[in-house]
Amino acid sequence: MKYKNNAALWVKKDKSGKAYFSFKADRDIKAGESFNFFKNDKGGVETRPDYKSYEKIEDTNDIVTEPTSESVAEDLPF
């Protein structure tokens, strides 16, 4: 199973010191879609996002497809 970065979120402060969220999506967002954010290990780099969202990507090797009659006929030795 692989994961792809979906979105990033930063916690910032305005001039008066009130916290707000800054959000950047890496793809189009559909109406009603929700995201789960996970705390990001910034590794000492303050410009990295505070939280990240990930999307599961299915491995193509795990997908089993039904053989077609054409592919079976091509594999026959006669």
C-alpha atoms as a PDB file:
ATOM      1  CA  MET A   1       0.000   0.000   0.000  1.00  0.00           C
ATOM      2  CA  LYS A   2       1.315   3.421  -0.952  1.00  0.00           C
ATOM      3  CA  TYR A   3       0.321   6.849   0.293  1.00  0.00           C
ATOM      4  CA  LYS A   4       0.205  10.115  -1.626  1.00  0.00           C
ATOM      5  CA  ASN A   5       0.307  13.581  -0.082  1.00  0.00           C
ATOM      6  CA  ASN A   6      -3.174  15.066  -0.285  1.00  0.00           C
ATOM      7  CA  ALA A   7      -2.940  18.410   1.483  1.00  0.00           C
ATOM      8  CA  ALA A   8      -0.900  20.436   3.949  1.00  0.00           C
ATOM      9  CA  LEU A   9      -1.980  22.678   6.813  1.00  0.00           C
ATOM     10  CA  TRP A  10      -0.059  25.354   8.718  1.00  0.00           C
ATOM     11  CA  VAL A  11      -1.074  26.961  12.010  1.00  0.00           C
ATOM     12  CA  LYS A  12      -0.228  30.669  11.745  1.00  0.00           C
ATOM     13  CA  LYS A  13      -0.862  33.813  13.782  1.00  0.00           C
ATOM     14  CA  ASP A  14      -2.252  37.124  12.612  1.00  0.00           C
ATOM     15  CA  LYS A  15      -0.982  40.555  13.711  1.00  0.00           C
ATOM     16  CA  SER A  16      -3.040  40.454  16.901  1.00  0.00           C
ATOM     17  CA  GLY A  17      -1.708  36.987  17.821  1.00  0.00           C
ATOM     18  CA  LYS A  18      -4.859  35.000  17.008  1.00  0.00           C
ATOM     19  CA  ALA A  19      -4.227  31.573  15.481  1.00  0.00           C
ATOM     20  CA  TYR A  20      -5.624  30.639  12.069  1.00  0.00           C
ATOM     21  CA  PHE A  21      -5.164  27.799   9.578  1.00  0.00           C
ATOM     22  CA  SER A  22      -3.532  28.077   6.172  1.00  0.00           C
ATOM     23  CA  PHE A  23      -4.415  25.167   3.889  1.00  0.00           C
ATOM     24  CA  LYS A  24      -2.979  23.979   0.553  1.00  0.00           C
ATOM     25  CA  ALA A  25      -4.517  21.099  -1.414  1.00  0.00           C
ATOM     26  CA  ASP A  26      -2.493  19.115  -3.944  1.00  0.00           C
ATOM     27  CA  ARG A  27      -5.595  18.258  -5.995  1.00  0.00           C
ATOM     28  CA  ASP A  28      -9.140  19.467  -6.629  1.00  0.00           C
ATOM     29  CA  ILE A  29     -11.500  19.129  -3.680  1.00  0.00           C
ATOM     30  CA  LYS A  30     -15.066  17.918  -4.193  1.00  0.00           C
ATOM     31  CA  ALA A  31     -18.003  19.382  -2.269  1.00  0.00           C
ATOM     32  CA  GLY A  32     -18.583  17.501   0.974  1.00  0.00           C
ATOM     33  CA  GLU A  33     -15.176  15.798   0.898  1.00  0.00           C
ATOM     34  CA  SER A  34     -13.369  15.520   4.232  1.00  0.00           C
ATOM     35  CA  PHE A  35      -9.708  15.179   5.135  1.00  0.00           C
ATOM     36  CA  ASN A  36      -7.903  13.637   8.094  1.00  0.00           C
ATOM     37  CA  PHE A  37      -4.780  15.534   9.121  1.00  0.00           C
ATOM     38  CA  PHE A  38      -1.805  14.035  10.922  1.00  0.00           C
ATOM     39  CA  LYS A  39       0.875  15.922  12.843  1.00  0.00           C
ATOM     40  CA  ASN A  40       3.957  16.380  10.673  1.00  0.00           C
ATOM     41  CA  ASP A  41       7.502  15.896  11.947  1.00  0.00           C
ATOM     42  CA  LYS A  42       9.053  19.147  10.778  1.00  0.00           C
ATOM     43  CA  GLY A  43      12.607  17.970  11.407  1.00  0.00           C
ATOM     44  CA  GLY A  44      13.594  21.409  12.692  1.00  0.00           C
ATOM     45  CA  VAL A  45      12.502  23.198   9.488  1.00  0.00           C
ATOM     46  CA  GLU A  46       9.828  25.747  10.453  1.00  0.00           C
ATOM     47  CA  THR A  47       8.566  26.248   6.880  1.00  0.00           C
ATOM     48  CA  ARG A  48       7.295  22.661   6.669  1.00  0.00           C
ATOM     49  CA  PRO A  49       3.558  22.178   7.297  1.00  0.00           C
ATOM     50  CA  ASP A  50       2.327  21.493  10.821  1.00  0.00           C
ATOM     51  CA  TYR A  51      -0.123  18.835   9.579  1.00  0.00           C
ATOM     52  CA  LYS A  52      -0.425  16.652   6.468  1.00  0.00           C
ATOM     53  CA  SER A  53      -3.219  14.670   4.876  1.00  0.00           C
ATOM     54  CA  TYR A  54      -2.575  11.452   2.945  1.00  0.00           C
ATOM     55  CA  GLU A  55      -4.540   9.380   0.452  1.00  0.00           C
ATOM     56  CA  LYS A  56      -4.166   5.609   0.049  1.00  0.00           C
ATOM     57  CA  ILE A  57      -3.158   4.475  -3.422  1.00  0.00           C
ATOM     58  CA  GLU A  58      -3.827   0.873  -4.347  1.00  0.00           C
ATOM     59  CA  ASP A  59      -0.866  -1.041  -5.767  1.00  0.00           C
ATOM     60  CA  THR A  60      -1.581  -2.183  -9.310  1.00  0.00           C
ATOM     61  CA  ASN A  61       0.081  -5.535  -8.507  1.00  0.00           C
ATOM     62  CA  ASP A  62      -2.642  -6.300  -5.960  1.00  0.00           C
ATOM     63  CA  ILE A  63      -5.476  -5.937  -8.478  1.00  0.00           C
ATOM     64  CA  VAL A  64      -6.613  -9.258  -9.925  1.00  0.00           C
ATOM     65  CA  THR A  65      -8.309  -9.098 -13.322  1.00  0.00           C
ATOM     66  CA  GLU A  66     -10.317 -11.772 -15.073  1.00  0.00           C
ATOM     67  CA  PRO A  67      -8.594 -13.161 -18.179  1.00  0.00           C
ATOM     68  CA  THR A  68     -10.302 -12.440 -21.475  1.00  0.00           C
ATOM     69  CA  SER A  69     -10.930 -15.096 -24.106  1.00  0.00           C
ATOM     70  CA  GLU A  70      -8.484 -13.285 -26.424  1.00  0.00           C
ATOM     71  CA  SER A  71      -5.639 -13.374 -23.878  1.00  0.00           C
ATOM     72  CA  VAL A  72      -6.276 -17.059 -23.122  1.00  0.00           C
ATOM     73  CA  ALA A  73      -6.336 -17.907 -26.851  1.00  0.00           C
ATOM     74  CA  GLU A  74      -2.995 -16.120 -27.340  1.00  0.00           C
ATOM     75  CA  ASP A  75      -1.410 -18.243 -24.571  1.00  0.00           C
ATOM     76  CA  LEU A  76      -2.503 -21.594 -26.046  1.00  0.00           C
ATOM     77  CA  PRO A  77       0.394 -23.448 -27.709  1.00  0.00           C
ATOM     78  CA  PHE A  78      -1.759 -24.736 -30.617  1.00  0.00           C
END
